[in-house]
Amino acid sequence: QESSKMRSSSAIRSLLSLRTDKATLLVLEGYDAAVDGDDASRARAMHEEEMDAKLVHIGDVVKVRPFQRMPADGVVVLGKSSADESLLTGETRPIEKDVGQEVVR
């Protein structure tokens, strides 16, 4: 039983190490999540702010660069890319993501 607990603790620590502790908040002009929903194509980027990932709130727009870990679950509102969802789906290749599609960390 003790070795089972140690393996579980080790697995949890491994999963937690995959989290990112930083996020890049993208401040947009002309985008309101409550009005525009999942489409920020008409918005204009004003500036970026580095922040602690724990401070990301619902409605924030976060920039995720290629191969960067997701700081939070969310929806693509601008652009398209690929996301590594292997921990959730078991899929070994990145999944293509486009505006309106959900992403998970």
N, C-alpha and C. Protein backbone atom coordinates (compact mmCIF):
# COMPACT_ATOMS: atom_id res chain seq x y z
N GLN A 1 0.82 -1.20 0.00
CA GLN A 1 0.00 0.00 0.00
C GLN A 1 0.87 1.26 0.00
N GLU A 2 1.95 1.24 0.74
CA GLU A 2 2.83 2.41 0.80
C GLU A 2 3.47 2.69 -0.56
N SER A 3 3.88 1.65 -1.26
CA SER A 3 4.50 1.85 -2.58
C SER A 3 3.47 2.37 -3.59
N SER A 4 2.22 1.97 -3.43
CA SER A 4 1.15 2.48 -4.29
C SER A 4 0.97 3.98 -4.08
N LYS A 5 1.01 4.42 -2.84
CA LYS A 5 0.89 5.85 -2.52
C LYS A 5 2.06 6.62 -3.11
N MET A 6 3.26 6.05 -3.02
CA MET A 6 4.44 6.73 -3.55
C MET A 6 4.35 6.86 -5.07
N ARG A 7 3.87 5.81 -5.76
CA ARG A 7 3.71 5.88 -7.22
C ARG A 7 2.68 6.92 -7.59
N SER A 8 1.58 6.97 -6.85
CA SER A 8 0.53 7.97 -7.12
C SER A 8 1.07 9.38 -6.91
N SER A 9 1.80 9.59 -5.85
CA SER A 9 2.38 10.91 -5.57
C SER A 9 3.35 11.30 -6.66
N SER A 10 4.14 10.35 -7.11
CA SER A 10 5.11 10.62 -8.17
C SER A 10 4.39 10.98 -9.47
N ALA A 11 3.32 10.28 -9.78
CA ALA A 11 2.56 10.56 -11.00
C ALA A 11 1.93 11.95 -10.94
N ILE A 12 1.41 12.32 -9.79
CA ILE A 12 0.81 13.65 -9.63
C ILE A 12 1.87 14.73 -9.77
N ARG A 13 3.04 14.54 -9.17
CA ARG A 13 4.13 15.51 -9.30
C ARG A 13 4.54 15.66 -10.77
N SER A 14 4.57 14.54 -11.50
CA SER A 14 4.93 14.59 -12.92
C SER A 14 3.91 15.41 -13.72
N LEU A 15 2.64 15.21 -13.43
CA LEU A 15 1.60 15.97 -14.12
C LEU A 15 1.69 17.46 -13.78
N LEU A 16 1.92 17.76 -12.53
CA LEU A 16 2.01 19.16 -12.11
C LEU A 16 3.22 19.85 -12.73
N SER A 17 4.26 19.10 -13.00
CA SER A 17 5.45 19.70 -13.61
C SER A 17 5.20 20.11 -15.06
N LEU A 18 4.13 19.62 -15.66
CA LEU A 18 3.80 19.97 -17.04
C LEU A 18 3.06 21.31 -17.14
N ARG A 19 2.63 21.84 -16.01
CA ARG A 19 1.96 23.14 -16.01
C ARG A 19 2.95 24.25 -16.30
N THR A 20 2.45 25.33 -16.83
CA THR A 20 3.28 26.52 -17.01
C THR A 20 2.91 27.50 -15.91
N ASP A 21 3.87 28.28 -15.47
CA ASP A 21 3.57 29.24 -14.41
C ASP A 21 3.44 30.65 -14.95
N LYS A 22 3.68 30.85 -16.25
CA LYS A 22 3.58 32.17 -16.87
C LYS A 22 2.52 32.18 -17.98
N ALA A 23 1.93 33.32 -18.19
CA ALA A 23 0.97 33.52 -19.28
C ALA A 23 1.23 34.88 -19.90
N THR A 24 0.94 34.99 -21.19
CA THR A 24 1.08 36.27 -21.88
C THR A 24 -0.33 36.79 -22.17
N LEU A 25 -0.76 37.77 -21.40
CA LEU A 25 -2.07 38.38 -21.58
C LEU A 25 -2.00 39.29 -22.81
N LEU A 26 -2.93 39.10 -23.72
CA LEU A 26 -3.00 39.91 -24.93
C LEU A 26 -4.12 40.91 -24.76
N VAL A 27 -3.76 42.19 -24.70
CA VAL A 27 -4.74 43.26 -24.53
C VAL A 27 -5.19 43.69 -25.93
N LEU A 28 -6.48 43.52 -26.20
CA LEU A 28 -7.04 43.79 -27.52
C LEU A 28 -7.96 45.00 -27.49
N GLU A 29 -7.94 45.77 -28.55
CA GLU A 29 -8.89 46.86 -28.73
C GLU A 29 -9.96 46.36 -29.70
N GLY A 30 -11.21 46.57 -29.36
CA GLY A 30 -12.29 46.16 -30.25
C GLY A 30 -12.75 44.73 -30.05
N TYR A 31 -12.43 44.13 -28.89
CA TYR A 31 -12.89 42.78 -28.61
C TYR A 31 -13.46 42.72 -27.21
N ASP A 32 -14.67 42.20 -27.11
CA ASP A 32 -15.33 41.98 -25.83
C ASP A 32 -15.86 40.56 -25.86
N ALA A 33 -15.33 39.70 -25.01
CA ALA A 33 -15.71 38.28 -25.00
C ALA A 33 -17.23 38.10 -24.86
N ALA A 34 -17.87 38.96 -24.07
CA ALA A 34 -19.31 38.84 -23.86
C ALA A 34 -20.09 39.14 -25.14
N VAL A 35 -19.55 40.00 -26.00
CA VAL A 35 -20.24 40.41 -27.23
C VAL A 35 -19.77 39.58 -28.42
N ASP A 36 -18.45 39.48 -28.57
CA ASP A 36 -17.87 38.84 -29.75
C ASP A 36 -17.71 37.33 -29.64
N GLY A 37 -17.84 36.79 -28.44
CA GLY A 37 -17.72 35.34 -28.27
C GLY A 37 -16.34 34.84 -28.63
N ASP A 38 -16.31 33.84 -29.53
CA ASP A 38 -15.06 33.17 -29.87
C ASP A 38 -14.37 33.74 -31.09
N ASP A 39 -14.69 34.96 -31.49
CA ASP A 39 -14.09 35.51 -32.70
C ASP A 39 -13.55 36.91 -32.44
N ALA A 40 -12.22 36.99 -32.39
CA ALA A 40 -11.57 38.29 -32.16
C ALA A 40 -10.91 38.80 -33.42
N SER A 41 -11.38 38.34 -34.57
CA SER A 41 -10.73 38.68 -35.84
C SER A 41 -10.78 40.18 -36.16
N ARG A 42 -11.75 40.89 -35.62
CA ARG A 42 -11.84 42.33 -35.89
C ARG A 42 -11.04 43.15 -34.86
N ALA A 43 -10.51 42.49 -33.86
CA ALA A 43 -9.79 43.19 -32.80
C ALA A 43 -8.38 43.56 -33.25
N ARG A 44 -7.83 44.51 -32.55
CA ARG A 44 -6.46 44.94 -32.82
C ARG A 44 -5.64 44.80 -31.53
N ALA A 45 -4.50 44.13 -31.64
CA ALA A 45 -3.65 43.93 -30.47
C ALA A 45 -3.03 45.25 -30.05
N MET A 46 -3.18 45.59 -28.79
CA MET A 46 -2.61 46.83 -28.26
C MET A 46 -1.25 46.57 -27.64
N HIS A 47 -1.19 45.59 -26.73
CA HIS A 47 0.08 45.23 -26.12
C HIS A 47 -0.05 43.88 -25.41
N GLU A 48 1.09 43.36 -24.98
CA GLU A 48 1.14 42.10 -24.26
C GLU A 48 1.68 42.34 -22.86
N GLU A 49 1.19 41.54 -21.91
CA GLU A 49 1.66 41.63 -20.53
C GLU A 49 1.98 40.25 -20.03
N GLU A 50 3.19 40.04 -19.52
CA GLU A 50 3.54 38.77 -18.88
C GLU A 50 2.91 38.75 -17.50
N MET A 51 2.33 37.61 -17.13
CA MET A 51 1.68 37.51 -15.83
C MET A 51 1.76 36.09 -15.30
N ASP A 52 1.47 35.92 -14.04
CA ASP A 52 1.41 34.61 -13.43
C ASP A 52 0.18 33.88 -13.99
N ALA A 53 0.34 32.64 -14.41
CA ALA A 53 -0.77 31.88 -15.00
C ALA A 53 -1.93 31.71 -14.04
N LYS A 54 -1.67 31.74 -12.75
CA LYS A 54 -2.74 31.61 -11.75
C LYS A 54 -3.70 32.80 -11.76
N LEU A 55 -3.26 33.91 -12.38
CA LEU A 55 -4.08 35.12 -12.39
C LEU A 55 -4.94 35.25 -13.64
N VAL A 56 -4.91 34.25 -14.53
CA VAL A 56 -5.75 34.28 -15.74
C VAL A 56 -7.20 34.09 -15.32
N HIS A 57 -8.07 34.97 -15.83
CA HIS A 57 -9.50 34.93 -15.50
C HIS A 57 -10.33 34.62 -16.74
N ILE A 58 -11.55 34.22 -16.52
CA ILE A 58 -12.49 34.00 -17.62
C ILE A 58 -12.63 35.31 -18.40
N GLY A 59 -12.52 35.23 -19.72
CA GLY A 59 -12.63 36.41 -20.56
C GLY A 59 -11.28 36.99 -20.97
N ASP A 60 -10.20 36.60 -20.28
CA ASP A 60 -8.87 37.06 -20.66
C ASP A 60 -8.47 36.42 -21.98
N VAL A 61 -7.74 37.14 -22.80
CA VAL A 61 -7.20 36.61 -24.05
C VAL A 61 -5.71 36.40 -23.81
N VAL A 62 -5.28 35.15 -23.97
CA VAL A 62 -3.90 34.78 -23.68
C VAL A 62 -3.23 34.33 -24.97
N LYS A 63 -2.06 34.84 -25.22
CA LYS A 63 -1.29 34.44 -26.40
C LYS A 63 -0.47 33.19 -26.06
N VAL A 64 -0.60 32.18 -26.90
CA VAL A 64 0.17 30.95 -26.72
C VAL A 64 0.99 30.74 -27.98
N ARG A 65 2.28 30.73 -27.83
CA ARG A 65 3.19 30.55 -28.96
C ARG A 65 3.33 29.06 -29.30
N PRO A 66 3.79 28.75 -30.52
CA PRO A 66 3.98 27.33 -30.87
C PRO A 66 4.87 26.61 -29.85
N PHE A 67 4.46 25.42 -29.50
CA PHE A 67 5.15 24.52 -28.57
C PHE A 67 5.14 25.01 -27.13
N GLN A 68 4.41 26.08 -26.85
CA GLN A 68 4.29 26.59 -25.49
C GLN A 68 3.14 25.87 -24.80
N ARG A 69 3.26 25.63 -23.51
CA ARG A 69 2.18 24.99 -22.76
C ARG A 69 1.03 25.97 -22.55
N MET A 70 -0.18 25.42 -22.51
CA MET A 70 -1.37 26.24 -22.28
C MET A 70 -1.43 26.62 -20.81
N PRO A 71 -1.60 27.91 -20.50
CA PRO A 71 -1.70 28.31 -19.10
C PRO A 71 -3.08 28.03 -18.49
N ALA A 72 -4.09 27.81 -19.34
CA ALA A 72 -5.45 27.56 -18.85
C ALA A 72 -6.27 26.94 -19.98
N ASP A 73 -7.38 26.33 -19.60
CA ASP A 73 -8.31 25.85 -20.62
C ASP A 73 -8.95 27.07 -21.27
N GLY A 74 -9.37 26.92 -22.53
CA GLY A 74 -9.99 28.06 -23.18
C GLY A 74 -10.49 27.74 -24.57
N VAL A 75 -10.72 28.79 -25.33
CA VAL A 75 -11.23 28.70 -26.69
C VAL A 75 -10.35 29.58 -27.57
N VAL A 76 -10.02 29.10 -28.75
CA VAL A 76 -9.23 29.90 -29.69
C VAL A 76 -10.11 31.04 -30.21
N VAL A 77 -9.64 32.28 -30.05
CA VAL A 77 -10.41 33.43 -30.51
C VAL A 77 -9.73 34.17 -31.66
N LEU A 78 -8.47 33.85 -31.91
CA LEU A 78 -7.71 34.55 -32.94
C LEU A 78 -6.61 33.63 -33.45
N GLY A 79 -6.51 33.47 -34.75
CA GLY A 79 -5.45 32.66 -35.34
C GLY A 79 -5.74 31.17 -35.30
N LYS A 80 -4.73 30.39 -35.64
CA LYS A 80 -4.85 28.94 -35.55
C LYS A 80 -3.46 28.35 -35.37
N SER A 81 -3.43 27.15 -34.79
CA SER A 81 -2.17 26.49 -34.52
C SER A 81 -2.45 25.04 -34.16
N SER A 82 -1.50 24.41 -33.53
CA SER A 82 -1.65 23.04 -33.07
C SER A 82 -1.46 23.01 -31.56
N ALA A 83 -2.13 22.08 -30.92
CA ALA A 83 -2.03 21.94 -29.47
C ALA A 83 -1.73 20.50 -29.11
N ASP A 84 -0.85 20.31 -28.15
CA ASP A 84 -0.51 18.98 -27.66
C ASP A 84 -1.52 18.59 -26.59
N GLU A 85 -2.38 17.65 -26.90
CA GLU A 85 -3.39 17.18 -25.95
C GLU A 85 -3.15 15.72 -25.60
N SER A 86 -1.91 15.28 -25.71
CA SER A 86 -1.58 13.87 -25.51
C SER A 86 -1.93 13.37 -24.12
N LEU A 87 -1.82 14.22 -23.10
CA LEU A 87 -2.17 13.79 -21.75
C LEU A 87 -3.64 13.44 -21.62
N LEU A 88 -4.49 14.10 -22.40
CA LEU A 88 -5.93 13.87 -22.31
C LEU A 88 -6.43 12.83 -23.29
N THR A 89 -5.90 12.89 -24.51
CA THR A 89 -6.45 12.04 -25.57
C THR A 89 -5.59 10.84 -25.91
N GLY A 90 -4.30 10.90 -25.55
CA GLY A 90 -3.40 9.83 -25.93
C GLY A 90 -2.88 9.99 -27.35
N GLU A 91 -3.39 10.98 -28.06
CA GLU A 91 -2.96 11.25 -29.43
C GLU A 91 -1.51 11.72 -29.40
N THR A 92 -0.66 11.09 -30.18
CA THR A 92 0.77 11.42 -30.13
C THR A 92 1.12 12.67 -30.93
N ARG A 93 0.29 13.03 -31.89
CA ARG A 93 0.57 14.23 -32.70
C ARG A 93 -0.27 15.40 -32.22
N PRO A 94 0.25 16.62 -32.41
CA PRO A 94 -0.54 17.80 -32.03
C PRO A 94 -1.85 17.87 -32.83
N ILE A 95 -2.88 18.41 -32.21
CA ILE A 95 -4.20 18.55 -32.80
C ILE A 95 -4.34 19.96 -33.36
N GLU A 96 -4.76 20.07 -34.63
CA GLU A 96 -4.98 21.38 -35.24
C GLU A 96 -6.14 22.09 -34.54
N LYS A 97 -5.95 23.37 -34.24
CA LYS A 97 -6.96 24.18 -33.57
C LYS A 97 -7.21 25.44 -34.38
N ASP A 98 -8.48 25.82 -34.49
CA ASP A 98 -8.88 27.01 -35.24
C ASP A 98 -9.85 27.81 -34.39
N VAL A 99 -10.21 29.00 -34.83
CA VAL A 99 -11.11 29.88 -34.08
C VAL A 99 -12.40 29.11 -33.72
N GLY A 100 -12.77 29.23 -32.44
CA GLY A 100 -13.98 28.59 -31.94
C GLY A 100 -13.74 27.23 -31.31
N GLN A 101 -12.56 26.65 -31.48
CA GLN A 101 -12.29 25.33 -30.92
C GLN A 101 -11.70 25.45 -29.53
N GLU A 102 -12.04 24.48 -28.67
CA GLU A 102 -11.55 24.47 -27.30
C GLU A 102 -10.12 23.95 -27.23
N VAL A 103 -9.35 24.49 -26.30
CA VAL A 103 -8.02 24.00 -25.99
C VAL A 103 -7.98 23.71 -24.49
N VAL A 104 -7.20 22.72 -24.14
CA VAL A 104 -7.07 22.35 -22.73
C VAL A 104 -5.60 22.29 -22.36
N ARG A 105 -5.32 22.58 -21.12
CA ARG A 105 -3.91 22.54 -20.71
C ARG A 105 -3.53 21.18 -20.24
